[in-house]
Protein backbone atom coordinates (compact mmCIF):
# COMPACT_ATOMS: atom_id res chain seq x y z
CA MET A 1 19.99 8.91 -15.51
CA GLN A 2 18.73 11.87 -13.52
CA CYS A 3 20.33 12.39 -10.14
CA PRO A 4 17.67 12.54 -7.38
CA HIS A 5 20.02 14.64 -5.23
CA CYS A 6 20.98 17.48 -7.58
CA ASN A 7 18.82 16.75 -10.68
CA ALA A 8 21.90 16.59 -12.94
CA ASN A 9 21.73 14.27 -15.96
CA GLN A 10 24.28 11.48 -15.74
CA LYS A 11 25.10 9.42 -18.82
CA TYR A 12 24.96 5.70 -18.15
CA LYS A 13 28.35 5.15 -19.75
CA ASP A 14 29.92 7.61 -17.28
CA GLY A 15 29.25 5.27 -14.37
CA MET A 16 26.97 4.99 -11.33
CA THR A 17 28.32 8.04 -9.48
CA CYS A 18 26.90 11.48 -10.24
CA GLY A 19 29.64 13.63 -11.74
CA ALA A 20 28.03 16.78 -10.36
CA CYS A 21 27.46 15.94 -6.68
CA GLY A 22 28.93 12.49 -6.06
CA TYR A 23 25.59 10.76 -5.43
CA ARG A 24 25.88 6.96 -5.72
CA PHE A 25 23.14 5.46 -7.89
CA ALA A 26 21.72 2.33 -6.26
CA LEU A 27 19.55 1.05 -9.13
CA ASP A 28 20.75 0.10 -12.60
CA PRO A 29 18.04 1.37 -15.00
CA LYS A 30 19.20 -1.09 -17.68
CA LYS A 31 18.56 -4.14 -15.49
CA PRO A 32 15.03 -5.52 -14.96
CA PRO A 33 12.70 -4.16 -13.77
CA ASN A 34 14.39 -1.04 -15.25
CA LEU A 35 13.61 1.37 -12.42
CA SER A 36 15.80 4.39 -11.64
CA ASP A 37 16.80 6.05 -8.38
CA MET A 38 14.77 9.09 -9.40
CA ALA A 39 11.65 6.96 -9.94
CA LEU A 40 12.00 5.40 -6.50
CA LYS A 41 12.55 8.79 -4.90
CA LYS A 42 9.35 10.03 -6.56
CA ALA A 43 7.52 7.03 -5.10
CA VAL A 44 8.81 7.92 -1.62
CA ASP A 45 7.86 11.58 -2.11
CA ARG A 46 4.36 10.62 -3.16
CA ILE A 47 3.50 8.36 -0.22
CA SER A 48 5.26 10.59 2.33
CA GLY A 49 3.80 13.86 1.03
CA PHE A 50 7.37 15.07 0.34
CA GLY A 51 8.50 14.16 3.83
CA GLN A 52 5.40 15.15 5.81
CA TYR A 53 4.45 11.61 6.82
CA ALA A 54 6.18 8.51 8.07
CA PHE A 55 5.27 5.42 6.05
CA THR A 56 5.54 1.63 6.23
CA TYR A 57 7.49 -0.73 4.02
CA THR A 58 4.19 -2.03 2.66
CA GLN A 59 3.09 1.45 1.60
CA LEU A 60 6.31 1.85 -0.37
CA PHE A 61 5.99 -1.69 -1.73
CA ALA A 62 2.46 -0.99 -3.01
CA GLN A 63 3.56 2.25 -4.68
CA ILE A 64 6.51 0.57 -6.45
CA HIS A 65 4.19 -2.24 -7.52
CA ARG A 66 1.82 0.26 -9.13
CA MET A 67 4.71 1.97 -10.93
CA LEU A 68 6.03 -1.30 -12.35
CA LEU A 69 2.55 -2.42 -13.43
CA LYS A 70 2.08 0.88 -15.23
CA LYS A 71 5.35 0.26 -17.08
CA LYS A 72 4.17 -3.22 -18.05
CA ARG A 73 0.90 -1.86 -19.39
CA GLY A 74 2.80 0.75 -21.41
CA GLU A 75 4.93 -2.01 -22.91
CA ARG A 76 1.79 -3.91 -23.90
CA VAL A 77 0.35 -0.88 -25.63
CA GLY A 78 3.63 -0.60 -27.55
CA CYS A 79 3.34 -4.26 -28.58
CA ALA A 80 -0.22 -3.66 -29.75
CA VAL A 81 0.90 -0.69 -31.87
CA VAL A 82 3.67 -2.74 -33.50
CA PHE A 83 1.18 -5.53 -34.14
CA TRP A 84 -1.24 -3.13 -35.87
CA ILE A 85 1.54 -1.72 -38.05
CA GLY A 86 2.31 -5.26 -39.14
CA MET A 87 -1.36 -5.96 -39.86
CA ILE A 88 -1.66 -2.77 -41.95
CA ILE A 89 1.34 -3.84 -44.03
CA LEU A 90 -0.22 -7.27 -44.42
CA GLY A 91 -3.50 -5.66 -45.45
CA GLY A 92 -1.73 -3.65 -48.13
CA PHE A 93 -0.16 -6.85 -49.49
CA ILE A 94 -3.56 -8.60 -49.55
CA VAL A 95 -5.25 -5.72 -51.39
CA THR A 96 -2.47 -5.61 -53.98
CA ASN A 97 -1.96 -9.31 -54.64
CA LEU A 98 -5.02 -11.39 -53.75
CA PRO A 99 -8.42 -11.74 -55.40
CA TYR A 100 -11.48 -11.38 -53.20
CA TRP A 101 -9.35 -9.17 -51.00
CA PRO A 102 -12.29 -7.56 -49.09
CA VAL A 103 -13.03 -10.92 -47.46
CA PHE A 104 -9.41 -11.45 -46.43
CA VAL A 105 -9.13 -7.86 -45.15
CA ALA A 106 -12.29 -8.29 -43.05
CA LEU A 107 -10.98 -11.53 -41.54
CA ALA A 108 -7.60 -9.91 -40.83
CA ALA A 109 -9.33 -6.94 -39.15
CA VAL A 110 -11.38 -9.23 -36.89
CA PHE A 111 -8.23 -11.17 -35.98
CA ALA A 112 -6.35 -7.92 -35.26
CA VAL A 113 -9.07 -6.64 -32.92
CA TRP A 114 -9.19 -9.99 -31.09
CA MET A 115 -5.43 -10.08 -30.65
CA THR A 116 -5.29 -6.45 -29.49
CA LEU A 117 -7.89 -7.09 -26.79
CA LYS A 118 -6.02 -10.24 -25.75
CA ILE A 119 -2.72 -8.34 -25.45
CA VAL A 120 -4.10 -5.31 -23.59
CA ARG A 121 -6.58 -7.04 -21.27
CA ARG A 122 -4.38 -9.91 -20.13
CA PRO A 123 -3.83 -9.46 -16.36
CA ALA A 124 -0.33 -8.20 -15.61
CA LYS A 125 1.54 -10.05 -12.86
CA LEU A 126 4.75 -9.22 -11.05
CA PRO A 127 6.86 -11.60 -8.96
CA GLU A 128 7.15 -10.42 -5.37
CA ASP A 129 10.93 -10.39 -5.53
CA GLN A 130 10.91 -8.00 -8.48
CA VAL A 131 9.44 -5.35 -6.19
CA SER A 132 11.24 -6.24 -2.95
CA SER A 133 14.68 -6.48 -4.58
CA VAL A 134 14.39 -2.94 -5.95
CA ILE A 135 13.52 -1.59 -2.52
CA ALA A 136 16.28 -3.61 -0.82
CA GLU A 137 18.94 -2.35 -3.26
CA TYR A 138 17.88 1.26 -2.80
CA ILE A 139 17.61 1.12 0.99
CA GLY A 140 20.98 -0.66 1.18
CA ALA A 141 22.60 2.40 -0.37
CA HIS A 142 20.26 5.14 0.87
CA PRO A 143 18.40 4.30 4.12
CA LEU A 144 14.94 5.87 4.33
CA GLU A 145 14.60 7.84 7.56
CA GLY A 146 10.87 8.29 7.05
CA MET A 147 10.08 4.58 6.95
CA ALA A 148 8.60 3.05 10.09
CA THR A 149 10.48 -0.11 11.04
CA GLY A 150 8.60 -1.20 14.15
CA LYS A 151 11.75 -0.74 16.25
CA ARG A 152 12.16 3.00 16.69
CA LEU A 153 9.88 3.32 19.73
CA LEU A 154 11.33 0.50 21.83
CA HIS A 155 13.02 2.88 24.27
CA ASN A 156 11.98 5.95 26.25
CA GLY A 157 12.60 9.35 24.74
CA ASP A 158 12.41 8.21 21.12
CA ALA A 159 11.25 10.78 18.60
CA GLY A 160 7.56 10.87 17.81
CA TRP A 161 6.30 9.58 21.15
CA ASP A 162 4.33 11.69 23.60
CA ASP A 163 3.02 10.72 27.05
CA ALA A 164 0.63 13.68 27.30
CA LEU A 165 -2.34 11.47 26.49
CA PHE A 166 -1.79 8.98 29.28
CA GLY A 167 -2.96 11.19 32.14
CA HIS A 168 -6.51 11.43 30.75
CA ALA A 169 -9.09 9.04 29.41
CA PRO A 170 -8.61 8.77 25.64
CA GLN A 171 -11.56 8.79 23.26
CA GLY A 172 -10.60 5.34 22.09
CA ILE A 173 -7.96 2.62 21.95
CA LEU A 174 -6.77 1.32 18.58
CA ILE A 175 -4.97 -2.04 18.37
CA VAL A 176 -3.25 -2.63 15.03
CA GLU A 177 -1.87 -5.91 13.71
CA ARG A 178 1.76 -4.97 13.06
CA ASN A 179 4.46 -3.00 14.88
CA ASP A 180 5.38 -0.86 11.88
CA MET A 181 1.72 0.18 11.46
CA ALA A 182 1.55 1.30 15.10
CA GLU A 183 4.82 3.19 14.72
CA MET A 184 3.71 4.88 11.51
CA LEU A 185 0.49 6.13 13.14
CA ILE A 186 2.31 7.38 16.25
CA LEU A 187 5.08 9.15 14.30
CA ASN A 188 2.34 10.88 12.29
CA ARG A 189 0.64 11.97 15.55
CA PHE A 190 -2.52 10.02 14.79
CA HIS A 191 -2.90 9.20 18.49
CA LEU A 192 -2.79 12.87 19.47
CA ASP A 193 -4.95 14.16 16.62
CA ASN A 194 -7.61 11.58 17.44
CA LYS A 195 -7.09 11.52 21.24
CA SER A 196 -6.58 7.76 21.07
CA LEU A 197 -4.05 5.26 22.32
CA VAL A 198 -2.36 3.25 19.54
CA VAL A 199 -0.67 -0.08 20.26
CA SER A 200 0.17 -3.15 18.18
CA ALA A 201 -1.02 -6.71 18.76
CA GLU A 202 2.62 -7.50 19.60
CA LYS A 203 2.44 -4.98 22.49
CA TYR A 204 4.48 -2.31 20.73
CA PRO A 205 5.52 0.25 21.74
CA PRO A 206 6.07 -1.22 25.23
CA ARG A 207 5.12 2.08 26.89
CA ALA A 208 1.86 2.12 24.95
CA PHE A 209 0.97 -1.39 26.13
CA LYS A 210 1.73 -0.38 29.73
CA ALA A 211 -0.50 2.66 29.29
CA PHE A 212 -3.18 0.41 27.76
CA ARG A 213 -3.46 -1.67 30.94
CA HIS A 214 -3.52 1.50 33.05
CA ILE A 215 -6.30 3.00 30.95
CA LEU A 216 -8.48 -0.13 31.10
CA GLU A 217 -8.15 -0.27 34.88
CA LYS A 218 -8.91 3.42 35.39
CA TRP A 219 -11.44 3.96 32.58
CA PRO A 220 -12.95 0.56 31.71
CA ASP A 221 -15.55 2.07 29.37
CA VAL A 222 -13.04 3.41 26.82
CA PRO A 223 -13.97 1.84 23.44
CA VAL A 224 -11.44 -0.60 21.94
CA SER A 225 -11.11 -1.12 18.18
CA VAL A 226 -8.85 -3.35 16.09
CA ILE A 227 -7.67 -2.99 12.48
CA HIS A 228 -5.77 -5.60 10.48
CA ASP A 229 -4.90 -6.96 7.06
CA ALA A 230 -7.36 -9.10 5.11
CA SER A 231 -5.62 -12.39 5.93
CA LYS A 232 -5.90 -15.54 7.99
CA LYS A 233 -3.97 -13.94 10.85
CA GLY A 234 -5.95 -10.71 10.64
CA HIS A 235 -9.25 -12.58 10.74
CA ARG A 236 -8.19 -14.24 14.01
CA LEU A 237 -6.82 -11.08 15.65
CA ARG A 238 -9.89 -10.07 17.66
CA ASN A 239 -10.35 -13.55 19.17
CA ASP A 240 -6.64 -13.89 19.84
CA LEU A 241 -6.68 -10.67 21.86
CA LEU A 242 -9.77 -11.72 23.81
CA ASN A 243 -8.20 -15.09 24.67
CA ASP A 244 -4.80 -13.69 25.71
CA PRO A 245 -4.97 -12.98 29.48
CA SER A 246 -2.07 -10.51 29.30
CA TRP A 247 -4.39 -8.05 27.51
CA GLY A 248 -7.16 -8.30 30.12
CA LEU A 249 -9.85 -8.01 27.44
CA LYS A 250 -11.90 -11.12 28.20
CA GLY A 251 -15.59 -10.28 28.33
CA ARG A 252 -15.08 -6.85 26.78
CA LYS A 253 -16.68 -5.63 23.58
CA ILE A 254 -14.06 -5.03 20.88
CA LYS A 255 -15.01 -3.47 17.56
CA ASP A 256 -13.34 -5.23 14.62
CA LEU A 257 -13.08 -2.51 11.97
CA GLY A 258 -11.49 -4.80 9.36
CA LEU A 259 -10.08 -5.04 6.83
CA HIS A 260 -12.83 -7.61 6.14
CA PRO A 261 -12.55 -9.77 3.01
CA HIS A 262 -15.99 -8.81 1.68
CA ASP A 263 -14.99 -5.12 1.69
CA VAL A 264 -11.78 -5.62 -0.32
CA ASN A 265 -13.73 -5.80 -3.60
CA ARG A 266 -14.35 -2.05 -3.32
CA LEU A 267 -10.67 -1.37 -3.92
CA LYS A 268 -9.79 -0.32 -7.45
CA ARG A 269 -6.23 -1.64 -7.19
CA PRO A 270 -5.93 -4.43 -4.59
CA VAL A 271 -2.48 -5.88 -3.91
CA TRP A 272 -2.60 -9.51 -2.80
CA ILE A 273 0.84 -10.48 -1.49
CA PRO A 274 1.84 -14.12 -0.86
CA GLU A 275 2.06 -14.81 2.88
CA LYS A 276 5.05 -17.15 2.60
CA VAL A 277 7.18 -15.35 0.07
CA ALA A 278 9.11 -17.70 -2.20
CA GLY A 279 10.56 -14.91 -4.32
CA LYS A 280 8.92 -15.85 -7.60
CA ASP A 281 5.36 -15.94 -6.24
CA ALA A 282 3.30 -13.41 -8.13
CA ILE A 283 1.44 -10.51 -6.58
CA VAL A 284 -2.14 -10.69 -7.80
CA GLN A 285 -4.87 -8.08 -8.23
CA THR A 286 -7.76 -10.35 -9.11
CA GLY A 287 -9.68 -13.21 -7.54
CA GLU A 288 -12.24 -13.56 -4.79
CA PRO A 289 -10.90 -12.30 -1.42
CA VAL A 290 -11.85 -15.42 0.56
CA GLU A 291 -10.28 -17.69 -2.06
CA ASN A 292 -7.09 -15.58 -2.12
CA ILE A 293 -6.80 -15.73 1.66
CA GLN A 294 -7.32 -19.50 1.67
CA ALA A 295 -4.62 -19.77 -1.01
CA GLY A 296 -2.13 -18.04 1.29
CA TYR A 297 -2.35 -14.39 0.22
CA ARG A 298 -2.93 -11.28 2.31
CA MET A 299 -4.28 -7.87 1.36
CA PRO A 300 -2.34 -5.40 3.53
CA LEU A 301 -4.35 -2.65 5.13
CA ASP A 302 -1.55 -0.19 4.44
CA ILE A 303 -1.51 -0.33 0.65
CA ALA A 304 -3.08 3.11 1.03
CA ASP A 305 -0.76 6.06 1.60
CA PRO A 306 -0.47 7.35 5.20
CA LYS A 307 -2.79 10.33 4.81
CA ALA A 308 -5.60 8.32 3.21
CA LEU A 309 -5.18 5.46 5.69
CA MET A 310 -5.30 7.77 8.70
CA GLY A 311 -8.34 9.60 7.39
CA THR A 312 -10.27 6.38 6.82
CA THR A 313 -9.20 4.86 10.15
CA SER A 314 -10.14 8.00 12.06
CA LEU A 315 -13.62 7.98 10.58
CA ALA A 316 -14.04 4.26 11.22
CA MET A 317 -13.18 4.72 14.90
CA VAL A 318 -15.61 7.61 15.29
CA THR A 319 -18.53 5.97 13.50
CA GLY A 320 -17.87 2.32 14.31
CA MET A 321 -18.22 1.49 10.61
CA ALA A 322 -15.88 -1.08 9.05
CA LEU A 323 -13.01 0.08 6.87
CA LEU A 324 -14.04 0.23 3.20
CA SER A 325 -17.64 -0.66 4.01
CA GLU A 326 -20.16 1.02 1.71
CA ALA A 327 -21.59 3.01 4.63
CA LEU A 328 -18.18 4.35 5.66
CA LEU A 329 -17.17 5.27 2.11
CA GLU A 330 -20.44 7.12 1.62
CA GLU A 331 -19.90 8.98 4.89
CA GLN A 332 -16.37 9.76 3.77
CA ARG A 333 -17.55 11.16 0.44
CA ARG A 334 -20.06 13.39 2.21
CA GLY A 335 -17.37 14.59 4.60
CA ALA A 336 -14.97 15.32 1.73
CA MET A 337 -17.61 17.42 -0.06
CA ALA A 338 -18.33 19.25 3.16
CA GLY A 339 -14.68 20.11 3.72
CA GLY A 340 -13.28 17.03 5.44
CA PHE A 341 -13.57 15.45 8.86
CA GLY A 342 -12.00 16.64 12.07
CA GLY A 343 -9.04 15.19 13.85
CA GLY A 344 -6.45 16.46 11.39
CA SER A 345 -6.70 13.39 9.17
CA GLY A 346 -8.82 14.84 6.40
CA GLY A 347 -11.53 13.27 4.28
CA ASP A 348 -9.43 11.26 1.88
CA VAL A 349 -11.40 8.88 -0.32
CA ASP A 350 -8.53 7.37 -2.31
CA PHE A 351 -7.68 4.22 -0.35
CA GLY A 352 -4.97 2.77 -2.57
């Protein structure tokens, strides 16, 4: 085991405490799903840009899911190699001992190719609890300061918040579905870089919701956009906001930027998570979006890392194009080739 704190190599038999620096290993690499502390730290470093960005639990979840799937695919390739070695030995026996051996060898070769394709192409599935339990064990021993919890900005003076925007009309208002998403964007200064107010559908942070009502009263023409997961709840979000009198949005035009189900198919690696987690329910990467949603799955908007998500969201707000729509992705590609878009969010095309 490699220590993520001092990089020393610790032998498994020597225990779960680093002999060089005293770091306590949280994950047992010999227990399924066989992930190490160092592997999880690398996942955190990747999504956070080595500590540059705050991130959500879902962003970490999606990254761990990809890592475990990659391990599963590697194991399948290993099985295919062992299978081919066995078939080669069998072929040698056939050639040596059977008459009409070319026919038998040809049949064995066809069977071997069919079995190899079956082994390699079979969709890999992971139970939700295999991913969540790894994260829970690690966080229990080593809390992640960079992870947005949806609770950090409940009180005045919390780090990452800035009232400078509230004295002027923002360029836009962004309502997100979940508290941790709003917190992640604010901690990463998305609201300042894009001169926009960010608030969650649950009215978090409270100061942002108070500012929201002030802005609508003083500058009623400020554009309002919503973003959400591809899910039953996300699909209803725009109408729920319009029908809730506490928001004061009735009769206003709200741009629903998605994530819309018909745009999910453009993702190379979707992560459909069961809405009501029963532990053993599998995360799926296939299936028609509408059917998955009806079956009780959701495709979280934040499977993308923070930088890519902020870049895509920034462009969607400016152009009014839906997240992951063909028009927006084409605009994003052009912007990336031209050196990126303004607002400090970049022209990232890799959305998970």
